[in-house]
């Protein structure tokens, strides 16, 4: 099959592209939304938190409650809600309605990711599950590399509302492809109680905590990256889409590199990458007002921010062998906990200490994530290591 993407997989990948663009594009539009709705930049930044809050609530709850729903009708319902949420964002008459629309759009995202991975695994030929899942996950990287800067460009030139219309249109097109090409699969058949039981596992809890804390610094900076690059870095607003493209290119490279490093040495590689991420954030604080340095560091930040994600997902999947679908959704919620708190934390720092203060604060919380990773590494060395995926009856899949 080579590099050819089958139509069913491509349709799911296109949905992921739309959802990812809808999630991250607001970071490049925060100043535009703030000006358009006559609210402060920190208030506009809370729109990121609203989307994240929707994912946090929707991930575990919707995944558990819909465990007995067939995958194709479930995918259809989830995508329809996302489309309506983005159209509501485009038509919102004021800040409160926009906040609610972003929350609704975020509700379905974590569950869709989980169901899309399970569906792709079911469609893949024997032994080809990892490569098929990687192709679906390519939609996330493309959403960051292409969708976010293009959406920011559209928002700057045609108004921020037009960006959400475009996201809704792309996602709706993807749904039509899903309806045409993705075969019907039965529900997993597990009960809600059975699915939720995985949350009591201590190793799952530690893995989710690592995801939430370890990502907090990077997502805090990314939430306000447009403001940081213009106010602290001295770039013109027109340069932000280009720099988001640079960030996205780093994210693609980091995702691939992080997955390979995690295959070789999961927790040691996570520890080293978290340490490098903290150093990068401190370098942004020191040299981020130099445009050349800021551009280079933007690429490095994107690479490291996404290099840590494959290993974090693998750790949770390894621990939660009994309910891998819910584990994917809950870990996505852990990431969004970081995004939600990051939007609030960054807003407080912008209002008080100023834009430059975000970098050392982000470095500090990243070091806290490093502390959790080192504690988990010590547990592994003491023999408290989760069993490998294959030993717990799971198909070995690439979580990215």
Protein backbone atom coordinates (compact mmCIF):
# COMPACT_ATOMS: atom_id res chain seq x y z
CA UNK A 1 0.00 0.00 0.00
CA UNK A 2 3.05 2.22 0.39
CA UNK A 3 2.25 5.79 1.24
CA UNK A 4 -1.28 5.58 -0.24
CA UNK A 5 -3.92 6.33 2.37
CA UNK A 6 -7.12 4.25 1.97
CA UNK A 7 -10.26 6.39 1.67
CA UNK A 8 -11.79 5.26 5.02
CA UNK A 9 -8.56 6.12 6.83
CA UNK A 10 -8.23 9.38 4.90
CA UNK A 11 -11.75 10.40 5.91
CA UNK A 12 -10.95 9.88 9.59
CA UNK A 13 -7.64 11.69 9.12
CA UNK A 14 -9.50 14.65 7.60
CA UNK A 15 -11.83 14.81 10.60
CA UNK A 16 -8.79 14.82 12.91
CA UNK A 17 -7.33 17.62 10.77
CA UNK A 18 -10.49 19.70 11.22
CA UNK A 19 -10.74 19.06 14.95
CA UNK A 20 -7.07 19.85 15.52
CA UNK A 21 -7.26 23.05 13.48
CA UNK A 22 -10.36 24.10 15.42
CA UNK A 23 -8.54 23.48 18.70
CA UNK A 24 -5.23 25.21 18.01
CA UNK A 25 -6.14 28.01 15.58
CA UNK A 26 -7.58 30.18 18.33
CA UNK A 27 -4.03 30.69 19.66
CA UNK A 28 -3.20 32.70 16.54
CA UNK A 29 -6.47 34.65 16.69
CA UNK A 30 -6.57 35.69 20.35
CA UNK A 31 -5.71 39.36 19.62
CA UNK A 32 -8.26 39.47 16.76
CA UNK A 33 -11.04 37.97 18.86
CA UNK A 34 -10.22 40.30 21.76
CA UNK A 35 -10.45 43.34 19.49
CA UNK A 36 -13.57 42.10 17.69
CA UNK A 37 -15.54 41.42 20.87
CA UNK A 38 -14.06 44.31 22.88
CA UNK A 39 -12.67 42.04 25.59
CA UNK A 40 -9.19 41.76 27.06
CA UNK A 41 -6.53 39.44 25.64
CA UNK A 42 -6.60 37.26 28.82
CA UNK A 43 -10.39 36.93 28.43
CA UNK A 44 -9.97 35.87 24.81
CA UNK A 45 -7.32 33.39 25.94
CA UNK A 46 -9.95 31.69 28.09
CA UNK A 47 -11.58 30.51 24.86
CA UNK A 48 -8.74 27.97 24.72
CA UNK A 49 -9.65 26.94 28.26
CA UNK A 50 -13.33 26.56 27.29
CA UNK A 51 -12.50 24.17 24.44
CA UNK A 52 -10.15 22.27 26.74
CA UNK A 53 -12.82 22.09 29.44
CA UNK A 54 -15.18 20.53 26.92
CA UNK A 55 -12.61 17.86 26.12
CA UNK A 56 -11.95 17.24 29.81
CA UNK A 57 -15.63 16.69 30.54
CA UNK A 58 -16.54 14.97 27.29
CA UNK A 59 -13.56 12.60 27.05
CA UNK A 60 -14.19 10.16 29.89
CA UNK A 61 -17.93 10.76 30.24
CA UNK A 62 -18.96 10.43 26.58
CA UNK A 63 -16.56 7.54 25.96
CA UNK A 64 -18.01 5.56 28.87
CA UNK A 65 -21.66 6.41 28.20
CA UNK A 66 -21.43 5.58 24.49
CA UNK A 67 -19.55 2.29 24.93
CA UNK A 68 -22.54 0.33 23.57
CA UNK A 69 -23.19 2.63 20.56
CA UNK A 70 -22.10 1.41 17.13
CA UNK A 71 -18.93 3.17 15.99
CA UNK A 72 -20.22 4.65 12.72
CA UNK A 73 -23.35 6.30 14.17
CA UNK A 74 -21.25 7.45 17.12
CA UNK A 75 -18.66 9.04 14.82
CA UNK A 76 -21.49 10.73 12.89
CA UNK A 77 -23.04 12.21 16.02
CA UNK A 78 -19.70 13.40 17.38
CA UNK A 79 -18.74 15.14 14.13
CA UNK A 80 -22.17 16.81 13.83
CA UNK A 81 -21.75 18.28 17.31
CA UNK A 82 -18.31 19.58 16.35
CA UNK A 83 -19.67 21.22 13.19
CA UNK A 84 -22.48 22.88 15.14
CA UNK A 85 -20.00 24.10 17.76
CA UNK A 86 -17.81 25.73 15.14
CA UNK A 87 -20.76 27.30 13.34
CA UNK A 88 -21.96 28.59 16.69
CA UNK A 89 -18.50 30.09 17.23
CA UNK A 90 -18.69 31.87 13.87
CA UNK A 91 -22.17 33.26 14.56
CA UNK A 92 -21.71 34.09 18.25
CA UNK A 93 -23.11 37.58 18.95
CA UNK A 94 -20.94 38.07 22.02
CA UNK A 95 -18.21 36.69 24.24
CA UNK A 96 -20.44 34.53 26.47
CA UNK A 97 -22.02 32.70 23.52
CA UNK A 98 -18.60 32.20 21.92
CA UNK A 99 -17.28 30.75 25.18
CA UNK A 100 -20.20 28.29 25.27
CA UNK A 101 -19.75 27.37 21.60
CA UNK A 102 -16.06 26.57 22.14
CA UNK A 103 -17.00 24.35 25.10
CA UNK A 104 -19.56 22.46 22.98
CA UNK A 105 -17.08 22.02 20.11
CA UNK A 106 -14.54 20.56 22.51
CA UNK A 107 -16.95 18.09 24.14
CA UNK A 108 -16.66 15.47 21.41
CA UNK A 109 -12.98 15.64 20.48
CA UNK A 110 -11.37 13.19 22.92
CA UNK A 111 -14.08 10.60 22.35
CA UNK A 112 -13.72 10.94 18.57
CA UNK A 113 -9.96 10.39 18.77
CA UNK A 114 -10.51 7.26 20.85
CA UNK A 115 -13.21 5.83 18.56
CA UNK A 116 -11.24 6.72 15.40
CA UNK A 117 -8.22 4.79 16.66
CA UNK A 118 -10.38 1.77 17.57
CA UNK A 119 -12.10 1.88 14.17
CA UNK A 120 -8.83 2.21 12.29
CA UNK A 121 -7.40 -0.75 14.18
CA UNK A 122 -10.44 -2.83 13.18
CA UNK A 123 -10.04 -1.87 9.50
CA UNK A 124 -6.29 -2.48 9.34
CA UNK A 125 -4.89 -5.71 7.85
CA UNK A 126 -3.18 -8.01 10.37
CA UNK A 127 0.13 -6.54 11.45
CA UNK A 128 -0.60 -3.17 9.83
CA UNK A 129 -2.41 -1.51 12.75
CA UNK A 130 0.46 0.80 13.75
CA UNK A 131 0.96 2.20 10.26
CA UNK A 132 -2.77 2.75 9.76
CA UNK A 133 -3.12 4.57 13.08
CA UNK A 134 -0.09 6.69 12.22
CA UNK A 135 -1.86 7.81 9.04
CA UNK A 136 -4.96 8.87 10.99
CA UNK A 137 -2.77 10.72 13.48
CA UNK A 138 -1.14 12.54 10.58
CA UNK A 139 -4.28 14.68 10.57
CA UNK A 140 -3.27 16.11 13.95
CA UNK A 141 0.18 17.08 12.69
CA UNK A 142 -1.24 18.57 9.49
CA UNK A 143 -3.76 20.51 11.56
CA UNK A 144 -0.86 22.13 13.39
CA UNK A 145 1.48 22.51 10.42
CA UNK A 146 -1.07 23.67 7.82
CA UNK A 147 -4.47 24.18 9.43
CA UNK A 148 -3.43 26.49 12.24
CA UNK A 149 -1.31 28.95 10.20
CA UNK A 150 -3.80 28.89 7.29
CA UNK A 151 -6.70 29.45 9.68
CA UNK A 152 -4.80 32.31 11.30
CA UNK A 153 -4.13 33.81 7.85
CA UNK A 154 -7.82 33.55 6.95
CA UNK A 155 -8.79 35.12 10.27
CA UNK A 156 -6.39 38.04 9.83
CA UNK A 157 -7.60 38.83 6.29
CA UNK A 158 -11.30 37.89 6.33
CA UNK A 159 -12.18 38.15 10.01
CA UNK A 160 -11.82 35.58 12.77
CA UNK A 161 -15.39 34.32 12.27
CA UNK A 162 -14.52 33.10 8.77
CA UNK A 163 -11.93 30.75 10.25
CA UNK A 164 -14.57 28.85 12.21
CA UNK A 165 -16.80 28.64 9.11
CA UNK A 166 -13.88 27.09 7.22
CA UNK A 167 -13.21 24.59 10.03
CA UNK A 168 -16.90 23.58 10.08
CA UNK A 169 -16.91 23.13 6.28
CA UNK A 170 -13.81 20.93 6.28
CA UNK A 171 -15.14 18.78 9.11
CA UNK A 172 -18.53 18.41 7.40
CA UNK A 173 -16.82 17.33 4.17
CA UNK A 174 -14.86 14.76 6.16
CA UNK A 175 -18.10 13.45 7.68
CA UNK A 176 -19.55 12.89 4.19
CA UNK A 177 -16.45 10.85 3.31
CA UNK A 178 -16.81 8.88 6.55
CA UNK A 179 -20.45 8.05 5.77
CA UNK A 180 -19.47 6.88 2.29
CA UNK A 181 -16.35 4.89 3.05
CA UNK A 182 -16.08 3.73 6.67
CA UNK A 183 -17.76 0.34 7.26
CA UNK A 184 -20.12 -0.18 10.17
CA UNK A 185 -18.61 -1.77 13.26
CA UNK A 186 -20.48 -2.94 16.36
CA UNK A 187 -19.95 -1.30 19.72
CA UNK A 188 -17.26 -2.61 22.03
CA UNK A 189 -19.98 -3.98 24.32
CA UNK A 190 -18.44 -2.91 27.62
CA UNK A 191 -20.55 -1.30 30.33
CA UNK A 192 -19.97 2.26 31.50
CA UNK A 193 -18.94 0.97 34.92
CA UNK A 194 -16.48 -1.44 33.38
CA UNK A 195 -14.94 1.27 31.24
CA UNK A 196 -14.63 3.74 34.13
CA UNK A 197 -13.01 1.17 36.41
CA UNK A 198 -9.66 1.79 34.71
CA UNK A 199 -9.48 5.22 36.34
CA UNK A 200 -8.83 3.57 39.72
CA UNK A 201 -5.55 2.13 38.47
CA UNK A 202 -2.64 3.92 40.19
CA UNK A 203 -0.35 3.68 37.17
CA UNK A 204 -3.06 5.21 34.96
CA UNK A 205 -3.49 8.03 37.46
CA UNK A 206 0.25 8.74 37.48
CA UNK A 207 0.37 8.67 33.70
CA UNK A 208 -2.48 11.17 33.40
CA UNK A 209 -0.87 13.39 36.04
CA UNK A 210 2.38 13.36 34.06
CA UNK A 211 0.48 14.34 30.90
CA UNK A 212 -1.33 17.20 32.62
CA UNK A 213 1.66 18.69 34.44
CA UNK A 214 4.32 17.88 31.86
CA UNK A 215 2.43 19.68 29.08
CA UNK A 216 1.30 22.68 31.13
CA UNK A 217 4.29 24.90 30.43
CA UNK A 218 4.28 24.36 26.67
CA UNK A 219 0.53 24.87 26.25
CA UNK A 220 0.58 27.99 28.43
CA UNK A 221 3.10 29.56 26.08
CA UNK A 222 1.31 28.30 22.96
CA UNK A 223 -2.03 29.73 24.10
CA UNK A 224 -0.56 33.24 24.03
CA UNK A 225 2.07 32.67 21.36
CA UNK A 226 0.66 35.40 19.09
CA UNK A 227 0.88 37.96 21.91
CA UNK A 228 4.32 36.73 23.00
CA UNK A 229 5.76 36.89 19.49
CA UNK A 230 4.42 40.38 18.84
CA UNK A 231 4.74 42.07 22.24
CA UNK A 232 7.83 40.30 23.60
CA UNK A 233 9.50 39.17 20.36
CA UNK A 234 8.83 42.32 18.35
CA UNK A 235 7.34 40.54 15.32
CA UNK A 236 4.62 42.10 13.16
CA UNK A 237 1.19 40.47 13.31
CA UNK A 238 1.56 39.24 9.71
CA UNK A 239 4.57 37.15 10.77
CA UNK A 240 2.53 35.08 13.24
CA UNK A 241 1.08 32.62 10.67
CA UNK A 242 4.59 31.98 9.32
CA UNK A 243 5.93 31.35 12.81
CA UNK A 244 3.02 29.03 13.55
CA UNK A 245 4.06 27.11 10.45
CA UNK A 246 7.58 26.93 11.88
CA UNK A 247 6.14 25.67 15.18
CA UNK A 248 4.07 23.06 13.33
CA UNK A 249 7.05 21.82 11.34
CA UNK A 250 8.88 21.31 14.61
CA UNK A 251 5.83 19.49 15.98
CA UNK A 252 5.85 16.96 13.12
CA UNK A 253 9.56 16.27 13.53
CA UNK A 254 9.25 16.08 17.31
CA UNK A 255 6.32 13.67 17.13
CA UNK A 256 8.28 11.27 14.94
CA UNK A 257 11.46 11.59 16.99
CA UNK A 258 9.65 11.30 20.30
CA UNK A 259 7.96 8.08 19.21
CA UNK A 260 11.26 6.49 18.25
CA UNK A 261 12.93 7.55 21.49
CA UNK A 262 9.99 6.19 23.48
CA UNK A 263 10.33 2.83 21.71
CA UNK A 264 13.94 2.60 22.88
CA UNK A 265 13.68 3.90 26.46
CA UNK A 266 10.27 5.24 27.46
CA UNK A 267 10.68 6.97 30.81
CA UNK A 268 14.36 7.97 30.45
CA UNK A 269 13.60 9.65 27.11
CA UNK A 270 10.61 11.47 28.60
CA UNK A 271 12.75 12.76 31.45
CA UNK A 272 15.44 14.06 29.12
CA UNK A 273 12.92 15.71 26.80
CA UNK A 274 11.10 17.44 29.66
CA UNK A 275 14.44 18.79 30.88
CA UNK A 276 15.24 20.06 27.36
CA UNK A 277 11.79 21.65 27.13
CA UNK A 278 12.34 23.54 30.39
CA UNK A 279 15.72 24.79 29.13
CA UNK A 280 14.12 25.93 25.86
CA UNK A 281 11.49 27.94 27.72
CA UNK A 282 14.20 29.61 29.81
CA UNK A 283 16.15 30.44 26.63
CA UNK A 284 12.99 32.03 25.23
CA UNK A 285 12.89 34.23 28.33
CA UNK A 286 16.53 35.21 27.93
CA UNK A 287 16.76 35.63 24.15
CA UNK A 288 13.16 35.70 22.91
CA UNK A 289 13.30 39.44 22.17
CA UNK A 290 15.82 38.66 19.41
CA UNK A 291 13.86 37.76 16.26
CA UNK A 292 16.34 35.23 14.89
CA UNK A 293 16.62 33.47 18.23
CA UNK A 294 12.85 33.56 18.71
CA UNK A 295 12.25 31.96 15.31
CA UNK A 296 14.73 29.14 16.05
CA UNK A 297 13.33 28.60 19.53
CA UNK A 298 9.77 28.49 18.13
CA UNK A 299 10.79 25.50 16.02
CA UNK A 300 12.55 23.82 18.96
CA UNK A 301 9.58 24.48 21.24
CA UNK A 302 7.20 22.86 18.75
CA UNK A 303 9.50 19.86 18.42
CA UNK A 304 9.89 19.25 22.15
CA UNK A 305 6.25 20.02 23.00
CA UNK A 306 5.14 17.20 20.70
CA UNK A 307 8.08 14.86 21.24
CA UNK A 308 6.86 14.13 24.77
CA UNK A 309 3.31 13.20 23.72
CA UNK A 310 3.87 9.71 22.18
CA UNK A 311 5.69 8.49 25.28
CA UNK A 312 3.03 9.88 27.61
CA UNK A 313 0.27 8.16 25.66
CA UNK A 314 2.23 4.91 25.53
CA UNK A 315 2.70 4.99 29.30
CA UNK A 316 -1.05 5.36 29.91
CA UNK A 317 -1.96 2.70 27.33
CA UNK A 318 0.51 0.27 28.89
CA UNK A 319 -1.01 0.78 32.32
CA UNK A 320 -4.65 0.69 31.15
CA UNK A 321 -4.62 -2.53 29.16
CA UNK A 322 -8.15 -3.48 30.21
CA UNK A 323 -9.75 -0.36 28.66
CA UNK A 324 -7.47 1.14 26.00
CA UNK A 325 -10.21 3.19 24.29
CA UNK A 326 -11.17 4.99 27.47
CA UNK A 327 -7.49 5.38 28.36
CA UNK A 328 -6.88 7.32 25.12
CA UNK A 329 -9.84 9.60 25.84
CA UNK A 330 -8.90 10.18 29.47
CA UNK A 331 -5.29 10.93 28.61
CA UNK A 332 -6.52 13.47 26.05
CA UNK A 333 -8.51 15.00 28.88
CA UNK A 334 -5.32 15.15 30.95
CA UNK A 335 -3.65 17.12 28.17
CA UNK A 336 -6.64 19.45 28.07
CA UNK A 337 -6.44 19.98 31.82
CA UNK A 338 -3.07 21.53 31.07
CA UNK A 339 -4.57 23.64 28.26
CA UNK A 340 -7.45 24.85 30.44
CA UNK A 341 -5.24 25.82 33.36
CA UNK A 342 -2.62 27.22 30.98
CA UNK A 343 -5.14 29.66 29.50
CA UNK A 344 -5.99 30.95 32.98
CA UNK A 345 -2.38 31.00 34.24
CA UNK A 346 -1.08 32.84 31.18
CA UNK A 347 -3.85 35.41 31.43
CA UNK A 348 -3.01 36.12 35.07
CA UNK A 349 0.67 36.57 34.23
CA UNK A 350 -0.07 38.82 31.26
CA UNK A 351 -2.27 41.05 33.40
CA UNK A 352 0.20 41.19 36.26
CA UNK A 353 3.88 40.67 35.45
CA UNK A 354 3.71 41.04 31.67
CA UNK A 355 4.29 38.82 28.64
CA UNK A 356 7.90 37.92 29.44
CA UNK A 357 6.90 36.32 32.75
CA UNK A 358 5.16 33.46 30.96
CA UNK A 359 8.46 31.86 29.98
CA UNK A 360 10.02 31.30 33.44
CA UNK A 361 6.65 30.28 34.86
CA UNK A 362 6.23 27.74 32.05
CA UNK A 363 9.75 26.43 32.68
CA UNK A 364 8.96 25.99 36.38
CA UNK A 365 5.85 23.86 35.81
CA UNK A 366 7.71 21.83 33.17
CA UNK A 367 10.34 21.05 35.81
CA UNK A 368 7.50 19.88 38.05
CA UNK A 369 6.53 17.47 35.26
CA UNK A 370 10.14 16.33 35.12
CA UNK A 371 9.94 15.58 38.84
CA UNK A 372 6.91 13.33 38.24
CA UNK A 373 8.70 11.55 35.40
CA UNK A 374 11.74 10.92 37.59
CA UNK A 375 9.52 9.57 40.37
CA UNK A 376 7.88 7.18 37.91
CA UNK A 377 11.31 6.15 36.65
CA UNK A 378 12.33 5.31 40.22
CA UNK A 379 9.14 3.21 40.59
CA UNK A 380 10.07 1.32 37.44
CA UNK A 381 13.58 0.69 38.74
CA UNK A 382 12.08 -0.67 41.96
CA UNK A 383 10.01 -3.21 40.01
CA UNK A 384 6.67 -1.33 39.97
CA UNK A 385 6.60 -1.18 36.17
CA UNK A 386 3.35 -1.66 34.16
CA UNK A 387 3.27 -4.85 32.09
CA UNK A 388 4.00 -4.50 28.37
CA UNK A 389 0.98 -4.07 26.07
CA UNK A 390 1.26 -7.55 24.63
CA UNK A 391 1.33 -9.15 28.07
CA UNK A 392 -2.05 -7.63 28.93
CA UNK A 393 -3.91 -8.87 25.88
CA UNK A 394 -3.80 -5.66 23.81
CA UNK A 395 -2.92 -5.18 20.20
CA UNK A 396 0.36 -3.37 19.97
CA UNK A 397 -0.51 0.00 18.40
CA UNK A 398 1.24 3.31 17.99
CA UNK A 399 -0.78 5.75 20.13
CA UNK A 400 0.13 8.54 17.77
